C-alpha atoms as a PDB file:
ATOM      1  CA  MET A   1     -23.844 -12.185  35.528  1.00  0.00           C
ATOM      2  CA  ASN A   2     -26.153 -15.186  36.469  1.00  0.00           C
ATOM      3  CA  ILE A   3     -28.375 -16.972  34.207  1.00  0.00           C
ATOM      4  CA  LYS A   4     -31.723 -15.786  34.802  1.00  0.00           C
ATOM      5  CA  ARG A   5     -29.702 -11.827  34.184  1.00  0.00           C
ATOM      6  CA  LYS A   6     -28.338 -14.008  30.961  1.00  0.00           C
ATOM      7  CA  ALA A   7     -32.068 -14.755  29.961  1.00  0.00           C
ATOM      8  CA  MET A   8     -33.451 -11.634  30.616  1.00  0.00           C
ATOM      9  CA  ILE A   9     -31.531  -9.905  28.555  1.00  0.00           C
ATOM     10  CA  ALA A  10     -31.595 -12.321  25.359  1.00  0.00           C
ATOM     11  CA  LEU A  11     -34.960 -12.181  25.701  1.00  0.00           C
ATOM     12  CA  PHE A  12     -34.942  -8.470  25.809  1.00  0.00           C
ATOM     13  CA  ILE A  13     -32.778  -8.619  22.629  1.00  0.00           C
ATOM     14  CA  MET A  14     -34.557 -11.313  20.732  1.00  0.00           C
ATOM     15  CA  THR A  15     -37.653  -8.662  21.347  1.00  0.00           C
ATOM     16  CA  ILE A  16     -35.921  -5.981  19.570  1.00  0.00           C
ATOM     17  CA  PHE A  17     -34.985  -8.451  16.164  1.00  0.00           C
ATOM     18  CA  TRP A  18     -38.221  -9.411  16.818  1.00  0.00           C
ATOM     19  CA  GLY A  19     -40.145  -5.920  16.330  1.00  0.00           C
ATOM     20  CA  GLY A  20     -37.499  -4.253  14.053  1.00  0.00           C
ATOM     21  CA  THR A  21     -38.829  -7.109  11.118  1.00  0.00           C
ATOM     22  CA  PHE A  22     -41.788  -5.546  10.786  1.00  0.00           C
ATOM     23  CA  PRO A  23     -40.659  -1.685   9.860  1.00  0.00           C
ATOM     24  CA  LEU A  24     -38.354  -3.333   7.363  1.00  0.00           C
ATOM     25  CA  ILE A  25     -40.528  -6.046   5.542  1.00  0.00           C
ATOM     26  CA  LYS A  26     -43.024  -2.722   5.103  1.00  0.00           C
ATOM     27  CA  ILE A  27     -40.933  -0.620   3.595  1.00  0.00           C
ATOM     28  CA  SER A  28     -39.099  -3.967   1.958  1.00  0.00           C
ATOM     29  CA  LEU A  29     -42.324  -4.473   0.329  1.00  0.00           C
ATOM     30  CA  GLU A  30     -42.991  -0.969  -1.232  1.00  0.00           C
ATOM     31  CA  TYR A  31     -39.593  -1.947  -3.816  1.00  0.00           C
ATOM     32  CA  ILE A  32     -40.276  -5.612  -4.043  1.00  0.00           C
ATOM     33  CA  SER A  33     -43.312  -8.255  -4.398  1.00  0.00           C
ATOM     34  CA  PRO A  34     -44.364  -9.903  -2.384  1.00  0.00           C
ATOM     35  CA  GLY A  35     -43.328 -13.319  -3.931  1.00  0.00           C
ATOM     36  CA  LEU A  36     -40.250 -12.755  -4.421  1.00  0.00           C
ATOM     37  CA  PHE A  37     -40.239 -11.194  -0.684  1.00  0.00           C
ATOM     38  CA  VAL A  38     -41.005 -14.481   0.441  1.00  0.00           C
ATOM     39  CA  LEU A  39     -38.411 -15.751  -1.616  1.00  0.00           C
ATOM     40  CA  ILE A  40     -35.642 -14.303  -0.546  1.00  0.00           C
ATOM     41  CA  ARG A  41     -36.193 -14.730   3.082  1.00  0.00           C
ATOM     42  CA  LEU A  42     -36.527 -18.129   2.475  1.00  0.00           C
ATOM     43  CA  SER A  43     -33.259 -18.497   0.409  1.00  0.00           C
ATOM     44  CA  LEU A  44     -31.092 -16.352   3.420  1.00  0.00           C
ATOM     45  CA  ALA A  45     -32.928 -18.850   6.087  1.00  0.00           C
ATOM     46  CA  CYS A  46     -31.771 -21.738   3.889  1.00  0.00           C
ATOM     47  CA  LEU A  47     -28.113 -20.442   3.558  1.00  0.00           C
ATOM     48  CA  LEU A  48     -28.219 -19.872   7.677  1.00  0.00           C
ATOM     49  CA  PHE A  49     -28.871 -22.739   8.075  1.00  0.00           C
ATOM     50  CA  LEU A  50     -27.452 -25.246   6.330  1.00  0.00           C
ATOM     51  CA  PRO A  51     -24.067 -24.884   7.386  1.00  0.00           C
ATOM     52  CA  LEU A  52     -25.324 -25.794  11.158  1.00  0.00           C
ATOM     53  CA  ILE A  53     -26.878 -28.778   9.786  1.00  0.00           C
ATOM     54  CA  LEU A  54     -23.966 -30.258   7.317  1.00  0.00           C
ATOM     55  CA  LYS A  55     -21.852 -29.383  11.000  1.00  0.00           C
ATOM     56  CA  SER A  56     -24.393 -31.487  12.990  1.00  0.00           C
ATOM     57  CA  LYS A  57     -23.776 -35.040  14.153  1.00  0.00           C
ATOM     58  CA  PHE A  58     -27.170 -36.081  12.975  1.00  0.00           C
ATOM     59  CA  THR A  59     -26.430 -39.749  11.663  1.00  0.00           C
ATOM     60  CA  ASN A  60     -28.931 -39.182   8.194  1.00  0.00           C
ATOM     61  CA  ARG A  61     -27.899 -35.682   7.145  1.00  0.00           C
ATOM     62  CA  LEU A  62     -29.577 -36.120   3.561  1.00  0.00           C
ATOM     63  CA  TYR A  63     -32.578 -36.846   5.222  1.00  0.00           C
ATOM     64  CA  ILE A  64     -33.100 -33.637   7.204  1.00  0.00           C
ATOM     65  CA  ILE A  65     -32.041 -31.404   4.657  1.00  0.00           C
ATOM     66  CA  LYS A  66     -35.034 -33.887   1.760  1.00  0.00           C
ATOM     67  CA  VAL A  67     -36.976 -33.307   4.953  1.00  0.00           C
ATOM     68  CA  ALA A  68     -36.174 -29.187   5.498  1.00  0.00           C
ATOM     69  CA  ALA A  69     -36.743 -28.438   1.891  1.00  0.00           C
ATOM     70  CA  ILE A  70     -40.216 -30.245   1.571  1.00  0.00           C
ATOM     71  CA  PHE A  71     -41.712 -28.368   3.990  1.00  0.00           C
ATOM     72  CA  GLY A  72     -39.934 -25.409   2.864  1.00  0.00           C
ATOM     73  CA  SER A  73     -41.352 -25.614  -0.525  1.00  0.00           C
ATOM     74  CA  LEU A  74     -44.557 -26.203   0.983  1.00  0.00           C
ATOM     75  CA  GLU A  75     -44.335 -23.321   3.175  1.00  0.00           C
ATOM     76  CA  GLY A  76     -42.909 -20.752   0.389  1.00  0.00           C
ATOM     77  CA  LEU A  77     -45.641 -22.142  -2.022  1.00  0.00           C
ATOM     78  CA  SER A  78     -48.849 -21.235   0.954  1.00  0.00           C
ATOM     79  CA  PHE A  79     -47.643 -18.383   0.579  1.00  0.00           C
ATOM     80  CA  PHE A  80     -49.701 -17.636  -3.016  1.00  0.00           C
ATOM     81  CA  PHE A  81     -52.618 -19.141  -1.792  1.00  0.00           C
END
């Protein structure tokens, strides 16, 4: 399989995941508040990406974690305003 075909398949799968999130968000917001939903979403994203950062070969991992925590907190707070 050539690289162009793999890229098209990857884009198709990503489109399905991206489009599938909107109905799931609508259903979940019937049961929990938007603020709690944002907290859960950002916490899951943090838990998924933290092992990648810790295993990376960056020389200053602590700095990256601090910056990510600051920007993640600001993004979370932006949903309340």
